[in-house]
Amino acid sequence: MWKLWKKGFDKWEKATAKYFDTVLENRAVLYPSGKLLEVAMKGKSKLDEAARKWWGSWGLPTKYDQERTLHTLNQLESRIIDLEEELYEMKQAQRDDD
């Protein structure tokens, strides 16, 4: 039963992939799809900007603010880890000298 289903699925997938390859290479499909995507991305950008301004008007941190703060915290954490490692190595060297 499984082998029969798998064989049918493989044939369907191959035919579908061939069809979509042909369709998606067609300029009549690509150009309007690209324009639609462009319009959607511009709309999303404007919506994101409006949301950022709205949250900012309430004095709340925006997504960008949160990401920037998180990045700074990650940098500080990395630096602290580096300093801890340096301190450990210095203590080890001091013990070896004693």
PDB file of N, CA and C in Angstrom:
ATOM      1  N   MET A   1       0.825  -1.194   0.000  1.00  0.00           N
ATOM      2  CA  MET A   1       0.000   0.000   0.000  1.00  0.00           C
ATOM      3  C   MET A   1       0.873   1.263   0.000  1.00  0.00           C
ATOM      4  N   TRP A   2       1.880   1.281   0.889  1.00  0.00           N
ATOM      5  CA  TRP A   2       2.751   2.442   0.994  1.00  0.00           C
ATOM      6  C   TRP A   2       3.521   2.691  -0.302  1.00  0.00           C
ATOM      7  N   LYS A   3       4.054   1.634  -0.880  1.00  0.00           N
ATOM      8  CA  LYS A   3       4.832   1.772  -2.108  1.00  0.00           C
ATOM      9  C   LYS A   3       3.981   2.337  -3.243  1.00  0.00           C
ATOM     10  N   LEU A   4       2.729   1.880  -3.339  1.00  0.00           N
ATOM     11  CA  LEU A   4       1.819   2.368  -4.362  1.00  0.00           C
ATOM     12  C   LEU A   4       1.540   3.862  -4.161  1.00  0.00           C
ATOM     13  N   TRP A   5       1.266   4.238  -2.921  1.00  0.00           N
ATOM     14  CA  TRP A   5       1.016   5.644  -2.615  1.00  0.00           C
ATOM     15  C   TRP A   5       2.252   6.489  -2.913  1.00  0.00           C
ATOM     16  N   LYS A   6       3.427   6.017  -2.511  1.00  0.00           N
ATOM     17  CA  LYS A   6       4.693   6.729  -2.721  1.00  0.00           C
ATOM     18  C   LYS A   6       4.957   6.914  -4.214  1.00  0.00           C
ATOM     19  N   LYS A   7       4.700   5.889  -4.997  1.00  0.00           N
ATOM     20  CA  LYS A   7       4.911   5.956  -6.437  1.00  0.00           C
ATOM     21  C   LYS A   7       3.982   7.008  -7.063  1.00  0.00           C
ATOM     22  N   GLY A   8       2.728   7.007  -6.648  1.00  0.00           N
ATOM     23  CA  GLY A   8       1.767   7.995  -7.144  1.00  0.00           C
ATOM     24  C   GLY A   8       2.163   9.407  -6.726  1.00  0.00           C
ATOM     25  N   PHE A   9       2.594   9.547  -5.495  1.00  0.00           N
ATOM     26  CA  PHE A   9       3.016  10.862  -5.005  1.00  0.00           C
ATOM     27  C   PHE A   9       4.221  11.371  -5.784  1.00  0.00           C
ATOM     28  N   ASP A  10       5.192  10.501  -6.017  1.00  0.00           N
ATOM     29  CA  ASP A  10       6.387  10.894  -6.762  1.00  0.00           C
ATOM     30  C   ASP A  10       6.033  11.369  -8.169  1.00  0.00           C
ATOM     31  N   LYS A  11       5.100  10.675  -8.833  1.00  0.00           N
ATOM     32  CA  LYS A  11       4.667  11.094 -10.171  1.00  0.00           C
ATOM     33  C   LYS A  11       3.973  12.453 -10.102  1.00  0.00           C
ATOM     34  N   TRP A  12       3.102  12.624  -9.119  1.00  0.00           N
ATOM     35  CA  TRP A  12       2.394  13.890  -8.965  1.00  0.00           C
ATOM     36  C   TRP A  12       3.388  15.023  -8.688  1.00  0.00           C
ATOM     37  N   GLU A  13       4.347  14.778  -7.807  1.00  0.00           N
ATOM     38  CA  GLU A  13       5.328  15.798  -7.456  1.00  0.00           C
ATOM     39  C   GLU A  13       6.176  16.190  -8.673  1.00  0.00           C
ATOM     40  N   LYS A  14       6.596  15.210  -9.441  1.00  0.00           N
ATOM     41  CA  LYS A  14       7.421  15.487 -10.628  1.00  0.00           C
ATOM     42  C   LYS A  14       6.637  16.320 -11.634  1.00  0.00           C
ATOM     43  N   ALA A  15       5.372  15.941 -11.893  1.00  0.00           N
ATOM     44  CA  ALA A  15       4.537  16.681 -12.846  1.00  0.00           C
ATOM     45  C   ALA A  15       4.258  18.096 -12.332  1.00  0.00           C
ATOM     46  N   THR A  16       3.980  18.226 -11.061  1.00  0.00           N
ATOM     47  CA  THR A  16       3.699  19.540 -10.471  1.00  0.00           C
ATOM     48  C   THR A  16       4.933  20.424 -10.518  1.00  0.00           C
ATOM     49  N   ALA A  17       6.086  19.874 -10.178  1.00  0.00           N
ATOM     50  CA  ALA A  17       7.332  20.644 -10.206  1.00  0.00           C
ATOM     51  C   ALA A  17       7.630  21.128 -11.617  1.00  0.00           C
ATOM     52  N   LYS A  18       7.433  20.272 -12.597  1.00  0.00           N
ATOM     53  CA  LYS A  18       7.675  20.648 -13.996  1.00  0.00           C
ATOM     54  C   LYS A  18       6.723  21.768 -14.413  1.00  0.00           C
ATOM     55  N   TYR A  19       5.456  21.646 -14.022  1.00  0.00           N
ATOM     56  CA  TYR A  19       4.464  22.668 -14.347  1.00  0.00           C
ATOM     57  C   TYR A  19       4.839  24.007 -13.715  1.00  0.00           C
ATOM     58  N   PHE A  20       5.153  23.991 -12.422  1.00  0.00           N
ATOM     59  CA  PHE A  20       5.492  25.240 -11.735  1.00  0.00           C
ATOM     60  C   PHE A  20       6.790  25.846 -12.250  1.00  0.00           C
ATOM     61  N   ASP A  21       7.746  25.021 -12.626  1.00  0.00           N
ATOM     62  CA  ASP A  21       8.975  25.550 -13.221  1.00  0.00           C
ATOM     63  C   ASP A  21       8.650  26.330 -14.494  1.00  0.00           C
ATOM     64  N   THR A  22       7.777  25.777 -15.303  1.00  0.00           N
ATOM     65  CA  THR A  22       7.373  26.437 -16.542  1.00  0.00           C
ATOM     66  C   THR A  22       6.605  27.718 -16.248  1.00  0.00           C
ATOM     67  N   VAL A  23       5.657  27.652 -15.349  1.00  0.00           N
ATOM     68  CA  VAL A  23       4.828  28.814 -15.025  1.00  0.00           C
ATOM     69  C   VAL A  23       5.664  29.924 -14.392  1.00  0.00           C
ATOM     70  N   LEU A  24       6.519  29.552 -13.446  1.00  0.00           N
ATOM     71  CA  LEU A  24       7.277  30.573 -12.720  1.00  0.00           C
ATOM     72  C   LEU A  24       8.412  31.185 -13.534  1.00  0.00           C
ATOM     73  N   GLU A  25       8.748  30.602 -14.656  1.00  0.00           N
ATOM     74  CA  GLU A  25       9.746  31.201 -15.543  1.00  0.00           C
ATOM     75  C   GLU A  25       9.104  32.142 -16.562  1.00  0.00           C
ATOM     76  N   ASN A  26       7.798  32.146 -16.605  1.00  0.00           N
ATOM     77  CA  ASN A  26       7.060  32.963 -17.560  1.00  0.00           C
ATOM     78  C   ASN A  26       7.032  34.417 -17.095  1.00  0.00           C
ATOM     79  N   ARG A  27       7.422  35.346 -17.988  1.00  0.00           N
ATOM     80  CA  ARG A  27       7.439  36.780 -17.645  1.00  0.00           C
ATOM     81  C   ARG A  27       6.045  37.297 -17.293  1.00  0.00           C
ATOM     82  N   ALA A  28       5.039  36.722 -17.900  1.00  0.00           N
ATOM     83  CA  ALA A  28       3.667  37.162 -17.632  1.00  0.00           C
ATOM     84  C   ALA A  28       3.258  36.871 -16.184  1.00  0.00           C
ATOM     85  N   VAL A  29       3.943  35.950 -15.558  1.00  0.00           N
ATOM     86  CA  VAL A  29       3.676  35.631 -14.158  1.00  0.00           C
ATOM     87  C   VAL A  29       4.668  36.363 -13.254  1.00  0.00           C
ATOM     88  N   LEU A  30       5.935  36.381 -13.651  1.00  0.00           N
ATOM     89  CA  LEU A  30       6.982  36.964 -12.817  1.00  0.00           C
ATOM     90  C   LEU A  30       6.805  38.460 -12.587  1.00  0.00           C
ATOM     91  N   TYR A  31       6.567  39.215 -13.645  1.00  0.00           N
ATOM     92  CA  TYR A  31       6.483  40.669 -13.513  1.00  0.00           C
ATOM     93  C   TYR A  31       5.352  41.100 -12.574  1.00  0.00           C
ATOM     94  N   PRO A  32       4.115  40.628 -12.793  1.00  0.00           N
ATOM     95  CA  PRO A  32       3.035  41.035 -11.867  1.00  0.00           C
ATOM     96  C   PRO A  32       3.282  40.535 -10.436  1.00  0.00           C
ATOM     97  N   SER A  33       3.856  39.352 -10.316  1.00  0.00           N
ATOM     98  CA  SER A  33       4.144  38.831  -8.973  1.00  0.00           C
ATOM     99  C   SER A  33       5.178  39.696  -8.277  1.00  0.00           C
ATOM    100  N   GLY A  34       6.191  40.124  -9.027  1.00  0.00           N
ATOM    101  CA  GLY A  34       7.206  41.001  -8.463  1.00  0.00           C
ATOM    102  C   GLY A  34       6.626  42.332  -8.036  1.00  0.00           C
ATOM    103  N   LYS A  35       5.755  42.892  -8.880  1.00  0.00           N
ATOM    104  CA  LYS A  35       5.107  44.161  -8.539  1.00  0.00           C
ATOM    105  C   LYS A  35       4.216  44.008  -7.306  1.00  0.00           C
ATOM    106  N   LEU A  36       3.492  42.909  -7.236  1.00  0.00           N
ATOM    107  CA  LEU A  36       2.635  42.651  -6.083  1.00  0.00           C
ATOM    108  C   LEU A  36       3.464  42.554  -4.810  1.00  0.00           C
ATOM    109  N   LEU A  37       4.588  41.854  -4.899  1.00  0.00           N
ATOM    110  CA  LEU A  37       5.479  41.732  -3.751  1.00  0.00           C
ATOM    111  C   LEU A  37       6.043  43.091  -3.357  1.00  0.00           C
ATOM    112  N   GLU A  38       6.408  43.896  -4.360  1.00  0.00           N
ATOM    113  CA  GLU A  38       6.935  45.240  -4.096  1.00  0.00           C
ATOM    114  C   GLU A  38       5.910  46.095  -3.356  1.00  0.00           C
ATOM    115  N   VAL A  39       4.672  46.077  -3.816  1.00  0.00           N
ATOM    116  CA  VAL A  39       3.607  46.852  -3.182  1.00  0.00           C
ATOM    117  C   VAL A  39       3.357  46.345  -1.756  1.00  0.00           C
ATOM    118  N   ALA A  40       3.357  45.038  -1.597  1.00  0.00           N
ATOM    119  CA  ALA A  40       3.137  44.465  -0.264  1.00  0.00           C
ATOM    120  C   ALA A  40       4.254  44.869   0.696  1.00  0.00           C
ATOM    121  N   MET A  41       5.485  44.848   0.234  1.00  0.00           N
ATOM    122  CA  MET A  41       6.612  45.205   1.103  1.00  0.00           C
ATOM    123  C   MET A  41       6.593  46.693   1.450  1.00  0.00           C
ATOM    124  N   LYS A  42       6.208  47.540   0.497  1.00  0.00           N
ATOM    125  CA  LYS A  42       6.080  48.971   0.791  1.00  0.00           C
ATOM    126  C   LYS A  42       4.977  49.207   1.816  1.00  0.00           C
ATOM    127  N   GLY A  43       3.874  48.480   1.667  1.00  0.00           N
ATOM    128  CA  GLY A  43       2.783  48.589   2.627  1.00  0.00           C
ATOM    129  C   GLY A  43       3.207  48.142   4.015  1.00  0.00           C
ATOM    130  N   LYS A  44       3.941  47.049   4.069  1.00  0.00           N
ATOM    131  CA  LYS A  44       4.423  46.553   5.359  1.00  0.00           C
ATOM    132  C   LYS A  44       5.372  47.555   5.990  1.00  0.00           C
ATOM    133  N   SER A  45       6.220  48.153   5.175  1.00  0.00           N
ATOM    134  CA  SER A  45       7.160  49.152   5.680  1.00  0.00           C
ATOM    135  C   SER A  45       6.414  50.338   6.289  1.00  0.00           C
ATOM    136  N   LYS A  46       5.395  50.805   5.603  1.00  0.00           N
ATOM    137  CA  LYS A  46       4.601  51.928   6.118  1.00  0.00           C
ATOM    138  C   LYS A  46       3.849  51.529   7.387  1.00  0.00           C
ATOM    139  N   LEU A  47       3.333  50.328   7.423  1.00  0.00           N
ATOM    140  CA  LEU A  47       2.636  49.845   8.615  1.00  0.00           C
ATOM    141  C   LEU A  47       3.603  49.730   9.795  1.00  0.00           C
ATOM    142  N   ASP A  48       4.785  49.219   9.559  1.00  0.00           N
ATOM    143  CA  ASP A  48       5.800  49.111  10.612  1.00  0.00           C
ATOM    144  C   ASP A  48       6.185  50.491  11.139  1.00  0.00           C
ATOM    145  N   GLU A  49       6.337  51.436  10.223  1.00  0.00           N
ATOM    146  CA  GLU A  49       6.688  52.807  10.617  1.00  0.00           C
ATOM    147  C   GLU A  49       5.582  53.419  11.473  1.00  0.00           C
ATOM    148  N   ALA A  50       4.322  53.215  11.057  1.00  0.00           N
ATOM    149  CA  ALA A  50       3.190  53.744  11.826  1.00  0.00           C
ATOM    150  C   ALA A  50       3.137  53.108  13.213  1.00  0.00           C
ATOM    151  N   ALA A  51       3.364  51.805  13.278  1.00  0.00           N
ATOM    152  CA  ALA A  51       3.352  51.118  14.578  1.00  0.00           C
ATOM    153  C   ALA A  51       4.485  51.625  15.459  1.00  0.00           C
ATOM    154  N   ARG A  52       5.672  51.839  14.862  1.00  0.00           N
ATOM    155  CA  ARG A  52       6.808  52.346  15.634  1.00  0.00           C
ATOM    156  C   ARG A  52       6.493  53.722  16.209  1.00  0.00           C
ATOM    157  N   LYS A  53       5.901  54.593  15.385  1.00  0.00           N
ATOM    158  CA  LYS A  53       5.552  55.936  15.855  1.00  0.00           C
ATOM    159  C   LYS A  53       4.483  55.878  16.939  1.00  0.00           C
ATOM    160  N   TRP A  54       3.498  55.005  16.767  1.00  0.00           N
ATOM    161  CA  TRP A  54       2.426  54.908  17.744  1.00  0.00           C
ATOM    162  C   TRP A  54       2.961  54.454  19.089  1.00  0.00           C
ATOM    163  N   TRP A  55       3.773  53.378  19.099  1.00  0.00           N
ATOM    164  CA  TRP A  55       4.356  52.896  20.350  1.00  0.00           C
ATOM    165  C   TRP A  55       5.274  53.946  20.955  1.00  0.00           C
ATOM    166  N   GLY A  56       6.028  54.610  20.093  1.00  0.00           N
ATOM    167  CA  GLY A  56       6.930  55.657  20.566  1.00  0.00           C
ATOM    168  C   GLY A  56       6.183  56.815  21.185  1.00  0.00           C
ATOM    169  N   SER A  57       5.006  57.138  20.651  1.00  0.00           N
ATOM    170  CA  SER A  57       4.224  58.252  21.198  1.00  0.00           C
ATOM    171  C   SER A  57       3.749  57.955  22.625  1.00  0.00           C
ATOM    172  N   TRP A  58       3.647  56.692  22.962  1.00  0.00           N
ATOM    173  CA  TRP A  58       3.271  56.298  24.318  1.00  0.00           C
ATOM    174  C   TRP A  58       4.490  56.187  25.237  1.00  0.00           C
ATOM    175  N   GLY A  59       5.664  56.396  24.659  1.00  0.00           N
ATOM    176  CA  GLY A  59       6.883  56.315  25.457  1.00  0.00           C
ATOM    177  C   GLY A  59       7.355  54.891  25.669  1.00  0.00           C
ATOM    178  N   LEU A  60       6.808  53.971  24.900  1.00  0.00           N
ATOM    179  CA  LEU A  60       7.193  52.564  25.034  1.00  0.00           C
ATOM    180  C   LEU A  60       8.299  52.230  24.031  1.00  0.00           C
ATOM    181  N   PRO A  61       9.177  51.299  24.389  1.00  0.00           N
ATOM    182  CA  PRO A  61      10.251  50.947  23.453  1.00  0.00           C
ATOM    183  C   PRO A  61       9.700  50.215  22.228  1.00  0.00           C
ATOM    184  N   THR A  62      10.251  50.565  21.100  1.00  0.00           N
ATOM    185  CA  THR A  62       9.853  49.899  19.859  1.00  0.00           C
ATOM    186  C   THR A  62      10.666  48.624  19.690  1.00  0.00           C
ATOM    187  N   LYS A  63      10.339  47.868  18.670  1.00  0.00           N
ATOM    188  CA  LYS A  63      11.089  46.655  18.366  1.00  0.00           C
ATOM    189  C   LYS A  63      12.556  46.995  18.108  1.00  0.00           C
ATOM    190  N   TYR A  64      12.778  48.083  17.380  1.00  0.00           N
ATOM    191  CA  TYR A  64      14.150  48.507  17.081  1.00  0.00           C
ATOM    192  C   TYR A  64      14.892  48.840  18.386  1.00  0.00           C
ATOM    193  N   ASP A  65      14.227  49.555  19.279  1.00  0.00           N
ATOM    194  CA  ASP A  65      14.850  49.896  20.564  1.00  0.00           C
ATOM    195  C   ASP A  65      15.206  48.643  21.347  1.00  0.00           C
ATOM    196  N   GLN A  66      14.298  47.681  21.352  1.00  0.00           N
ATOM    197  CA  GLN A  66      14.530  46.433  22.081  1.00  0.00           C
ATOM    198  C   GLN A  66      15.690  45.660  21.464  1.00  0.00           C
ATOM    199  N   GLU A  67      15.745  45.607  20.139  1.00  0.00           N
ATOM    200  CA  GLU A  67      16.834  44.894  19.469  1.00  0.00           C
ATOM    201  C   GLU A  67      18.175  45.570  19.733  1.00  0.00           C
ATOM    202  N   ARG A  68      18.195  46.898  19.705  1.00  0.00           N
ATOM    203  CA  ARG A  68      19.424  47.639  19.967  1.00  0.00           C
ATOM    204  C   ARG A  68      19.893  47.402  21.405  1.00  0.00           C
ATOM    205  N   THR A  69      18.958  47.403  22.354  1.00  0.00           N
ATOM    206  CA  THR A  69      19.304  47.150  23.752  1.00  0.00           C
ATOM    207  C   THR A  69      19.814  45.730  23.937  1.00  0.00           C
ATOM    208  N   LEU A  70      19.164  44.784  23.304  1.00  0.00           N
ATOM    209  CA  LEU A  70      19.599  43.390  23.399  1.00  0.00           C
ATOM    210  C   LEU A  70      20.993  43.217  22.801  1.00  0.00           C
ATOM    211  N   HIS A  71      21.260  43.872  21.686  1.00  0.00           N
ATOM    212  CA  HIS A  71      22.581  43.799  21.066  1.00  0.00           C
ATOM    213  C   HIS A  71      23.641  44.351  22.018  1.00  0.00           C
ATOM    214  N   THR A  72      23.346  45.481  22.645  1.00  0.00           N
ATOM    215  CA  THR A  72      24.287  46.080  23.601  1.00  0.00           C
ATOM    216  C   THR A  72      24.518  45.145  24.781  1.00  0.00           C
ATOM    217  N   LEU A  73      23.444  44.540  25.290  1.00  0.00           N
ATOM    218  CA  LEU A  73      23.587  43.593  26.403  1.00  0.00           C
ATOM    219  C   LEU A  73      24.442  42.391  26.008  1.00  0.00           C
ATOM    220  N   ASN A  74      24.253  41.899  24.794  1.00  0.00           N
ATOM    221  CA  ASN A  74      25.065  40.771  24.316  1.00  0.00           C
ATOM    222  C   ASN A  74      26.534  41.156  24.206  1.00  0.00           C
ATOM    223  N   GLN A  75      26.801  42.380  23.743  1.00  0.00           N
ATOM    224  CA  GLN A  75      28.183  42.846  23.661  1.00  0.00           C
ATOM    225  C   GLN A  75      28.804  42.938  25.056  1.00  0.00           C
ATOM    226  N   LEU A  76      28.042  43.487  26.002  1.00  0.00           N
ATOM    227  CA  LEU A  76      28.544  43.596  27.375  1.00  0.00           C
ATOM    228  C   LEU A  76      28.797  42.220  27.986  1.00  0.00           C
ATOM    229  N   GLU A  77      27.885  41.294  27.746  1.00  0.00           N
ATOM    230  CA  GLU A  77      28.056  39.940  28.270  1.00  0.00           C
ATOM    231  C   GLU A  77      29.311  39.291  27.694  1.00  0.00           C
ATOM    232  N   SER A  78      29.537  39.465  26.407  1.00  0.00           N
ATOM    233  CA  SER A  78      30.737  38.905  25.778  1.00  0.00           C
ATOM    234  C   SER A  78      31.997  39.511  26.368  1.00  0.00           C
ATOM    235  N   ARG A  79      31.961  40.808  26.591  1.00  0.00           N
ATOM    236  CA  ARG A  79      33.133  41.480  27.172  1.00  0.00           C
ATOM    237  C   ARG A  79      33.373  41.004  28.604  1.00  0.00           C
ATOM    238  N   ILE A  80      32.327  40.839  29.382  1.00  0.00           N
ATOM    239  CA  ILE A  80      32.468  40.339  30.763  1.00  0.00           C
ATOM    240  C   ILE A  80      33.059  38.937  30.759  1.00  0.00           C
ATOM    241  N   ILE A  81      32.590  38.094  29.867  1.00  0.00           N
ATOM    242  CA  ILE A  81      33.133  36.733  29.770  1.00  0.00           C
ATOM    243  C   ILE A  81      34.614  36.781  29.424  1.00  0.00           C
ATOM    244  N   ASP A  82      34.978  37.651  28.469  1.00  0.00           N
ATOM    245  CA  ASP A  82      36.391  37.794  28.102  1.00  0.00           C
ATOM    246  C   ASP A  82      37.221  38.255  29.292  1.00  0.00           C
ATOM    247  N   LEU A  83      36.702  39.225  30.051  1.00  0.00           N
ATOM    248  CA  LEU A  83      37.430  39.727  31.221  1.00  0.00           C
ATOM    249  C   LEU A  83      37.559  38.650  32.304  1.00  0.00           C
ATOM    250  N   GLU A  84      36.499  37.866  32.487  1.00  0.00           N
ATOM    251  CA  GLU A  84      36.563  36.770  33.461  1.00  0.00           C
ATOM    252  C   GLU A  84      37.634  35.759  33.064  1.00  0.00           C
ATOM    253  N   GLU A  85      37.722  35.459  31.776  1.00  0.00           N
ATOM    254  CA  GLU A  85      38.743  34.518  31.300  1.00  0.00           C
ATOM    255  C   GLU A  85      40.153  35.085  31.502  1.00  0.00           C
ATOM    256  N   GLU A  86      40.310  36.381  31.202  1.00  0.00           N
ATOM    257  CA  GLU A  86      41.614  37.015  31.410  1.00  0.00           C
ATOM    258  C   GLU A  86      41.996  37.005  32.886  1.00  0.00           C
ATOM    259  N   LEU A  87      41.039  37.320  33.747  1.00  0.00           N
ATOM    260  CA  LEU A  87      41.287  37.317  35.187  1.00  0.00           C
ATOM    261  C   LEU A  87      41.665  35.930  35.671  1.00  0.00           C
ATOM    262  N   TYR A  88      40.972  34.917  35.182  1.00  0.00           N
ATOM    263  CA  TYR A  88      41.278  33.537  35.557  1.00  0.00           C
ATOM    264  C   TYR A  88      42.696  33.167  35.128  1.00  0.00           C
ATOM    265  N   GLU A  89      43.057  33.537  33.911  1.00  0.00           N
ATOM    266  CA  GLU A  89      44.406  33.241  33.415  1.00  0.00           C
ATOM    267  C   GLU A  89      45.470  33.976  34.226  1.00  0.00           C
ATOM    268  N   MET A  90      45.179  35.222  34.620  1.00  0.00           N
ATOM    269  CA  MET A  90      46.133  35.974  35.440  1.00  0.00           C
ATOM    270  C   MET A  90      46.311  35.321  36.805  1.00  0.00           C
ATOM    271  N   LYS A  91      45.196  34.854  37.396  1.00  0.00           N
ATOM    272  CA  LYS A  91      45.275  34.174  38.700  1.00  0.00           C
ATOM    273  C   LYS A  91      46.058  32.876  38.580  1.00  0.00           C
ATOM    274  N   GLN A  92      45.831  32.162  37.489  1.00  0.00           N
ATOM    275  CA  GLN A  92      46.559  30.914  37.272  1.00  0.00           C
ATOM    276  C   GLN A  92      48.066  31.194  37.125  1.00  0.00           C
ATOM    277  N   ALA A  93      48.418  32.223  36.382  1.00  0.00           N
ATOM    278  CA  ALA A  93      49.814  32.588  36.183  1.00  0.00           C
ATOM    279  C   ALA A  93      50.446  33.020  37.497  1.00  0.00           C
ATOM    280  N   GLN A  94      49.687  33.725  38.312  1.00  0.00           N
ATOM    281  CA  GLN A  94      50.197  34.182  39.618  1.00  0.00           C
ATOM    282  C   GLN A  94      50.444  32.989  40.531  1.00  0.00           C
ATOM    283  N   ARG A  95      49.538  32.015  40.531  1.00  0.00           N
ATOM    284  CA  ARG A  95      49.706  30.808  41.349  1.00  0.00           C
ATOM    285  C   ARG A  95      50.932  30.017  40.899  1.00  0.00           C
ATOM    286  N   ASP A  96      51.120  29.974  39.566  1.00  0.00           N
ATOM    287  CA  ASP A  96      52.275  29.244  39.030  1.00  0.00           C
ATOM    288  C   ASP A  96      53.589  29.916  39.439  1.00  0.00           C
ATOM    289  N   ASP A  97      53.569  31.252  39.540  1.00  0.00           N
ATOM    290  CA  ASP A  97      54.778  31.989  39.922  1.00  0.00           C
ATOM    291  C   ASP A  97      55.094  31.815  41.406  1.00  0.00           C
ATOM    292  N   ASP A  98      54.068  31.610  42.230  1.00  0.00           N
ATOM    293  CA  ASP A  98      54.280  31.458  43.682  1.00  0.00           C
ATOM    294  C   ASP A  98      54.762  30.103  44.011  1.00  0.00           C
TER     295      ASP A  98
END
